[in-house]
Amino acid sequence: MAEQHKPGEKVQTSGIYKVVTESDGGTGFEVTRVEGEHFPPTRSGKGAHYELVHGATHSHKHSELGSRDK
């Protein structure tokens, strides 16, 4: 089972997250989230959570793409 993140928690890993609610039967939908932001509330309320589908590295943190400003 994927690690679950609740609305209001701070995003630790940027990437694509599946939004899972009790009412969707587990089908969910996907959204992007950025490290340091917070997971937003959902309209479905109780039991809703986020699961990381694909993590991503910010370009400024990548050794091949980082800023050359020193």
PDB file of N, CA and C in Angstrom:
ATOM      1  N   MET A   1       0.839  -1.183   0.000  1.00  0.00           N
ATOM      2  CA  MET A   1       0.000   0.000   0.000  1.00  0.00           C
ATOM      3  C   MET A   1       0.888   1.251   0.000  1.00  0.00           C
ATOM      4  N   ALA A   2       0.521   2.222  -0.791  1.00  0.00           N
ATOM      5  CA  ALA A   2       1.290   3.462  -0.894  1.00  0.00           C
ATOM      6  C   ALA A   2       1.146   4.286   0.384  1.00  0.00           C
ATOM      7  N   GLU A   3       2.172   5.084   0.658  1.00  0.00           N
ATOM      8  CA  GLU A   3       2.121   5.976   1.814  1.00  0.00           C
ATOM      9  C   GLU A   3       1.011   6.999   1.603  1.00  0.00           C
ATOM     10  N   GLN A   4       0.212   7.218   2.629  1.00  0.00           N
ATOM     11  CA  GLN A   4      -0.920   8.132   2.537  1.00  0.00           C
ATOM     12  C   GLN A   4      -0.600   9.462   3.213  1.00  0.00           C
ATOM     13  N   HIS A   5      -1.005  10.541   2.553  1.00  0.00           N
ATOM     14  CA  HIS A   5      -0.812  11.890   3.082  1.00  0.00           C
ATOM     15  C   HIS A   5      -2.182  12.549   3.205  1.00  0.00           C
ATOM     16  N   LYS A   6      -2.424  13.193   4.323  1.00  0.00           N
ATOM     17  CA  LYS A   6      -3.717  13.813   4.583  1.00  0.00           C
ATOM     18  C   LYS A   6      -3.710  15.283   4.177  1.00  0.00           C
ATOM     19  N   PRO A   7      -4.900  15.820   3.844  1.00  0.00           N
ATOM     20  CA  PRO A   7      -4.998  17.253   3.567  1.00  0.00           C
ATOM     21  C   PRO A   7      -4.432  18.054   4.739  1.00  0.00           C
ATOM     22  N   GLY A   8      -3.685  19.109   4.422  1.00  0.00           N
ATOM     23  CA  GLY A   8      -3.079  19.951   5.443  1.00  0.00           C
ATOM     24  C   GLY A   8      -1.633  19.598   5.755  1.00  0.00           C
ATOM     25  N   GLU A   9      -1.214  18.369   5.430  1.00  0.00           N
ATOM     26  CA  GLU A   9       0.182  17.977   5.660  1.00  0.00           C
ATOM     27  C   GLU A   9       1.090  18.690   4.664  1.00  0.00           C
ATOM     28  N   LYS A  10       2.338  18.901   5.061  1.00  0.00           N
ATOM     29  CA  LYS A  10       3.328  19.527   4.186  1.00  0.00           C
ATOM     30  C   LYS A  10       3.846  18.494   3.186  1.00  0.00           C
ATOM     31  N   VAL A  11       3.937  18.909   1.922  1.00  0.00           N
ATOM     32  CA  VAL A  11       4.434  18.035   0.858  1.00  0.00           C
ATOM     33  C   VAL A  11       5.942  17.878   1.017  1.00  0.00           C
ATOM     34  N   GLN A  12       6.416  16.643   1.139  1.00  0.00           N
ATOM     35  CA  GLN A  12       7.844  16.361   1.299  1.00  0.00           C
ATOM     36  C   GLN A  12       8.527  16.061  -0.036  1.00  0.00           C
ATOM     37  N   THR A  13       7.759  15.533  -0.997  1.00  0.00           N
ATOM     38  CA  THR A  13       8.308  15.158  -2.300  1.00  0.00           C
ATOM     39  C   THR A  13       7.438  15.734  -3.409  1.00  0.00           C
ATOM     40  N   SER A  14       8.017  16.563  -4.277  1.00  0.00           N
ATOM     41  CA  SER A  14       7.275  17.084  -5.422  1.00  0.00           C
ATOM     42  C   SER A  14       6.935  15.942  -6.361  1.00  0.00           C
ATOM     43  N   GLY A  15       5.799  16.039  -7.009  1.00  0.00           N
ATOM     44  CA  GLY A  15       5.444  15.022  -7.981  1.00  0.00           C
ATOM     45  C   GLY A  15       3.963  14.967  -8.265  1.00  0.00           C
ATOM     46  N   ILE A  16       3.558  13.843  -8.823  1.00  0.00           N
ATOM     47  CA  ILE A  16       2.166  13.597  -9.165  1.00  0.00           C
ATOM     48  C   ILE A  16       1.567  12.715  -8.079  1.00  0.00           C
ATOM     49  N   TYR A  17       0.444  13.151  -7.550  1.00  0.00           N
ATOM     50  CA  TYR A  17      -0.237  12.435  -6.480  1.00  0.00           C
ATOM     51  C   TYR A  17      -1.633  12.015  -6.919  1.00  0.00           C
ATOM     52  N   LYS A  18      -2.030  10.835  -6.498  1.00  0.00           N
ATOM     53  CA  LYS A  18      -3.388  10.358  -6.710  1.00  0.00           C
ATOM     54  C   LYS A  18      -4.215  10.820  -5.523  1.00  0.00           C
ATOM     55  N   VAL A  19      -5.380  11.401  -5.799  1.00  0.00           N
ATOM     56  CA  VAL A  19      -6.302  11.814  -4.750  1.00  0.00           C
ATOM     57  C   VAL A  19      -7.314  10.686  -4.591  1.00  0.00           C
ATOM     58  N   VAL A  20      -7.357  10.106  -3.407  1.00  0.00           N
ATOM     59  CA  VAL A  20      -8.241   8.971  -3.152  1.00  0.00           C
ATOM     60  C   VAL A  20      -9.299   9.401  -2.143  1.00  0.00           C
ATOM     61  N   THR A  21     -10.563   9.176  -2.494  1.00  0.00           N
ATOM     62  CA  THR A  21     -11.669   9.502  -1.598  1.00  0.00           C
ATOM     63  C   THR A  21     -12.510   8.260  -1.365  1.00  0.00           C
ATOM     64  N   GLU A  22     -13.277   8.261  -0.290  1.00  0.00           N
ATOM     65  CA  GLU A  22     -14.145   7.120   0.004  1.00  0.00           C
ATOM     66  C   GLU A  22     -15.207   6.944  -1.066  1.00  0.00           C
ATOM     67  N   SER A  23     -15.671   8.044  -1.647  1.00  0.00           N
ATOM     68  CA  SER A  23     -16.785   7.981  -2.587  1.00  0.00           C
ATOM     69  C   SER A  23     -16.395   7.594  -4.008  1.00  0.00           C
ATOM     70  N   ASP A  24     -15.089   7.576  -4.340  1.00  0.00           N
ATOM     71  CA  ASP A  24     -14.707   7.291  -5.732  1.00  0.00           C
ATOM     72  C   ASP A  24     -14.431   5.818  -5.996  1.00  0.00           C
ATOM     73  N   GLY A  25     -14.577   4.988  -4.994  1.00  0.00           N
ATOM     74  CA  GLY A  25     -14.345   3.557  -5.186  1.00  0.00           C
ATOM     75  C   GLY A  25     -12.894   3.217  -5.464  1.00  0.00           C
ATOM     76  N   GLY A  26     -11.976   4.107  -5.101  1.00  0.00           N
ATOM     77  CA  GLY A  26     -10.555   3.844  -5.291  1.00  0.00           C
ATOM     78  C   GLY A  26     -10.011   4.267  -6.639  1.00  0.00           C
ATOM     79  N   THR A  27     -10.854   4.839  -7.502  1.00  0.00           N
ATOM     80  CA  THR A  27     -10.372   5.244  -8.824  1.00  0.00           C
ATOM     81  C   THR A  27      -9.534   6.518  -8.748  1.00  0.00           C
ATOM     82  N   GLY A  28      -9.954   7.480  -7.946  1.00  0.00           N
ATOM     83  CA  GLY A  28      -9.198   8.706  -7.735  1.00  0.00           C
ATOM     84  C   GLY A  28      -8.908   9.495  -8.999  1.00  0.00           C
ATOM     85  N   PHE A  29      -8.135  10.543  -8.845  1.00  0.00           N
ATOM     86  CA  PHE A  29      -7.644  11.347  -9.962  1.00  0.00           C
ATOM     87  C   PHE A  29      -6.281  11.869  -9.546  1.00  0.00           C
ATOM     88  N   GLU A  30      -5.520  12.416 -10.481  1.00  0.00           N
ATOM     89  CA  GLU A  30      -4.149  12.826 -10.189  1.00  0.00           C
ATOM     90  C   GLU A  30      -3.982  14.340 -10.225  1.00  0.00           C
ATOM     91  N   VAL A  31      -3.095  14.826  -9.346  1.00  0.00           N
ATOM     92  CA  VAL A  31      -2.764  16.246  -9.275  1.00  0.00           C
ATOM     93  C   VAL A  31      -1.259  16.382  -9.060  1.00  0.00           C
ATOM     94  N   THR A  32      -0.710  17.549  -9.373  1.00  0.00           N
ATOM     95  CA  THR A  32       0.701  17.807  -9.077  1.00  0.00           C
ATOM     96  C   THR A  32       0.790  18.582  -7.770  1.00  0.00           C
ATOM     97  N   ARG A  33       1.834  18.288  -7.001  1.00  0.00           N
ATOM     98  CA  ARG A  33       2.087  18.991  -5.744  1.00  0.00           C
ATOM     99  C   ARG A  33       3.572  19.320  -5.689  1.00  0.00           C
ATOM    100  N   VAL A  34       3.907  20.437  -5.077  1.00  0.00           N
ATOM    101  CA  VAL A  34       5.281  20.911  -5.013  1.00  0.00           C
ATOM    102  C   VAL A  34       5.787  20.857  -3.568  1.00  0.00           C
ATOM    103  N   GLU A  35       7.018  20.367  -3.419  1.00  0.00           N
ATOM    104  CA  GLU A  35       7.659  20.279  -2.106  1.00  0.00           C
ATOM    105  C   GLU A  35       7.551  21.602  -1.352  1.00  0.00           C
ATOM    106  N   GLY A  36       7.175  21.517  -0.088  1.00  0.00           N
ATOM    107  CA  GLY A  36       7.065  22.705   0.749  1.00  0.00           C
ATOM    108  C   GLY A  36       5.658  23.267   0.843  1.00  0.00           C
ATOM    109  N   GLU A  37       4.811  22.967  -0.151  1.00  0.00           N
ATOM    110  CA  GLU A  37       3.415  23.387  -0.096  1.00  0.00           C
ATOM    111  C   GLU A  37       2.668  22.424   0.826  1.00  0.00           C
ATOM    112  N   HIS A  38       1.384  22.666   1.014  1.00  0.00           N
ATOM    113  CA  HIS A  38       0.556  21.771   1.817  1.00  0.00           C
ATOM    114  C   HIS A  38      -0.474  21.094   0.918  1.00  0.00           C
ATOM    115  N   PHE A  39      -0.832  19.873   1.286  1.00  0.00           N
ATOM    116  CA  PHE A  39      -1.890  19.187   0.553  1.00  0.00           C
ATOM    117  C   PHE A  39      -3.197  19.926   0.835  1.00  0.00           C
ATOM    118  N   PRO A  40      -3.949  20.283  -0.209  1.00  0.00           N
ATOM    119  CA  PRO A  40      -5.177  21.052  -0.005  1.00  0.00           C
ATOM    120  C   PRO A  40      -6.325  20.180   0.512  1.00  0.00           C
ATOM    121  N   PRO A  41      -7.342  20.831   1.087  1.00  0.00           N
ATOM    122  CA  PRO A  41      -8.517  20.072   1.518  1.00  0.00           C
ATOM    123  C   PRO A  41      -9.253  19.528   0.298  1.00  0.00           C
ATOM    124  N   THR A  42     -10.050  18.509   0.512  1.00  0.00           N
ATOM    125  CA  THR A  42     -10.857  17.947  -0.571  1.00  0.00           C
ATOM    126  C   THR A  42     -12.328  18.145  -0.246  1.00  0.00           C
ATOM    127  N   ARG A  43     -13.147  18.158  -1.260  1.00  0.00           N
ATOM    128  CA  ARG A  43     -14.583  18.340  -1.058  1.00  0.00           C
ATOM    129  C   ARG A  43     -15.242  17.090  -0.492  1.00  0.00           C
ATOM    130  N   SER A  44     -14.596  15.948  -0.661  1.00  0.00           N
ATOM    131  CA  SER A  44     -15.193  14.690  -0.212  1.00  0.00           C
ATOM    132  C   SER A  44     -15.097  14.512   1.297  1.00  0.00           C
ATOM    133  N   GLY A  45     -14.154  15.237   1.930  1.00  0.00           N
ATOM    134  CA  GLY A  45     -14.053  15.183   3.381  1.00  0.00           C
ATOM    135  C   GLY A  45     -13.436  13.925   3.936  1.00  0.00           C
ATOM    136  N   LYS A  46     -14.144  13.262   4.820  1.00  0.00           N
ATOM    137  CA  LYS A  46     -13.652  12.121   5.588  1.00  0.00           C
ATOM    138  C   LYS A  46     -12.975  11.048   4.729  1.00  0.00           C
ATOM    139  N   GLY A  47     -11.795  10.633   5.170  1.00  0.00           N
ATOM    140  CA  GLY A  47     -11.099   9.529   4.523  1.00  0.00           C
ATOM    141  C   GLY A  47     -10.301   9.881   3.282  1.00  0.00           C
ATOM    142  N   ALA A  48     -10.387  11.127   2.816  1.00  0.00           N
ATOM    143  CA  ALA A  48      -9.647  11.515   1.610  1.00  0.00           C
ATOM    144  C   ALA A  48      -8.162  11.608   1.938  1.00  0.00           C
ATOM    145  N   HIS A  49      -7.340  11.160   0.986  1.00  0.00           N
ATOM    146  CA  HIS A  49      -5.893  11.248   1.178  1.00  0.00           C
ATOM    147  C   HIS A  49      -5.194  11.287  -0.177  1.00  0.00           C
ATOM    148  N   TYR A  50      -3.888  11.533  -0.134  1.00  0.00           N
ATOM    149  CA  TYR A  50      -3.047  11.624  -1.326  1.00  0.00           C
ATOM    150  C   TYR A  50      -2.009  10.510  -1.292  1.00  0.00           C
ATOM    151  N   GLU A  51      -1.715   9.941  -2.471  1.00  0.00           N
ATOM    152  CA  GLU A  51      -0.683   8.907  -2.603  1.00  0.00           C
ATOM    153  C   GLU A  51       0.251   9.307  -3.740  1.00  0.00           C
ATOM    154  N   LEU A  52       1.562   9.283  -3.484  1.00  0.00           N
ATOM    155  CA  LEU A  52       2.547   9.646  -4.505  1.00  0.00           C
ATOM    156  C   LEU A  52       2.552   8.608  -5.624  1.00  0.00           C
ATOM    157  N   VAL A  53       2.371   9.075  -6.859  1.00  0.00           N
ATOM    158  CA  VAL A  53       2.409   8.211  -8.037  1.00  0.00           C
ATOM    159  C   VAL A  53       3.796   8.272  -8.667  1.00  0.00           C
ATOM    160  N   HIS A  54       4.318   9.499  -8.809  1.00  0.00           N
ATOM    161  CA  HIS A  54       5.622   9.683  -9.450  1.00  0.00           C
ATOM    162  C   HIS A  54       6.298  10.922  -8.869  1.00  0.00           C
ATOM    163  N   GLY A  55       7.409  10.731  -8.176  1.00  0.00           N
ATOM    164  CA  GLY A  55       8.174  11.844  -7.624  1.00  0.00           C
ATOM    165  C   GLY A  55       8.983  12.529  -8.709  1.00  0.00           C
ATOM    166  N   ALA A  56       9.300  13.801  -8.488  1.00  0.00           N
ATOM    167  CA  ALA A  56      10.072  14.562  -9.470  1.00  0.00           C
ATOM    168  C   ALA A  56      11.060  15.484  -8.759  1.00  0.00           C
ATOM    169  N   THR A  57      12.215  15.687  -9.383  1.00  0.00           N
ATOM    170  CA  THR A  57      13.232  16.588  -8.855  1.00  0.00           C
ATOM    171  C   THR A  57      13.075  17.949  -9.516  1.00  0.00           C
ATOM    172  N   HIS A  58      13.114  19.015  -8.731  1.00  0.00           N
ATOM    173  CA  HIS A  58      13.067  20.364  -9.296  1.00  0.00           C
ATOM    174  C   HIS A  58      14.315  20.587 -10.135  1.00  0.00           C
ATOM    175  N   SER A  59      14.172  21.314 -11.223  1.00  0.00           N
ATOM    176  CA  SER A  59      15.315  21.549 -12.105  1.00  0.00           C
ATOM    177  C   SER A  59      16.453  22.260 -11.377  1.00  0.00           C
ATOM    178  N   HIS A  60      16.142  23.169 -10.461  1.00  0.00           N
ATOM    179  CA  HIS A  60      17.210  23.892  -9.756  1.00  0.00           C
ATOM    180  C   HIS A  60      17.953  23.003  -8.763  1.00  0.00           C
ATOM    181  N   LYS A  61      17.424  21.823  -8.471  1.00  0.00           N
ATOM    182  CA  LYS A  61      18.102  20.885  -7.571  1.00  0.00           C
ATOM    183  C   LYS A  61      18.857  19.801  -8.337  1.00  0.00           C
ATOM    184  N   HIS A  62      18.668  19.735  -9.639  1.00  0.00           N
ATOM    185  CA  HIS A  62      19.312  18.709 -10.456  1.00  0.00           C
ATOM    186  C   HIS A  62      20.713  19.172 -10.832  1.00  0.00           C
ATOM    187  N   SER A  63      21.692  18.290 -10.688  1.00  0.00           N
ATOM    188  CA  SER A  63      23.092  18.660 -10.943  1.00  0.00           C
ATOM    189  C   SER A  63      23.352  19.083 -12.386  1.00  0.00           C
ATOM    190  N   GLU A  64      22.586  18.582 -13.328  1.00  0.00           N
ATOM    191  CA  GLU A  64      22.786  18.931 -14.738  1.00  0.00           C
ATOM    192  C   GLU A  64      22.031  20.195 -15.147  1.00  0.00           C
ATOM    193  N   LEU A  65      21.068  20.618 -14.326  1.00  0.00           N
ATOM    194  CA  LEU A  65      20.218  21.742 -14.717  1.00  0.00           C
ATOM    195  C   LEU A  65      20.240  22.898 -13.733  1.00  0.00           C
ATOM    196  N   GLY A  66      20.913  22.756 -12.637  1.00  0.00           N
ATOM    197  CA  GLY A  66      20.887  23.758 -11.571  1.00  0.00           C
ATOM    198  C   GLY A  66      21.345  25.128 -12.014  1.00  0.00           C
ATOM    199  N   SER A  67      20.957  26.095 -11.234  1.00  0.00           N
ATOM    200  CA  SER A  67      21.339  27.474 -11.506  1.00  0.00           C
ATOM    201  C   SER A  67      22.854  27.624 -11.417  1.00  0.00           C
ATOM    202  N   ARG A  68      23.416  28.427 -12.278  1.00  0.00           N
ATOM    203  CA  ARG A  68      24.858  28.665 -12.259  1.00  0.00           C
ATOM    204  C   ARG A  68      25.193  29.892 -11.406  1.00  0.00           C
ATOM    205  N   ASP A  69      24.168  30.525 -10.842  1.00  0.00           N
ATOM    206  CA  ASP A  69      24.398  31.682  -9.965  1.00  0.00           C
ATOM    207  C   ASP A  69      25.086  31.223  -8.695  1.00  0.00           C
ATOM    208  N   LYS A  70      26.128  31.893  -8.310  1.00  0.00           N
ATOM    209  CA  LYS A  70      26.869  31.528  -7.089  1.00  0.00           C
ATOM    210  C   LYS A  70      26.807  32.666  -6.110  1.00  0.00           C
TER     211      LYS A  70
END
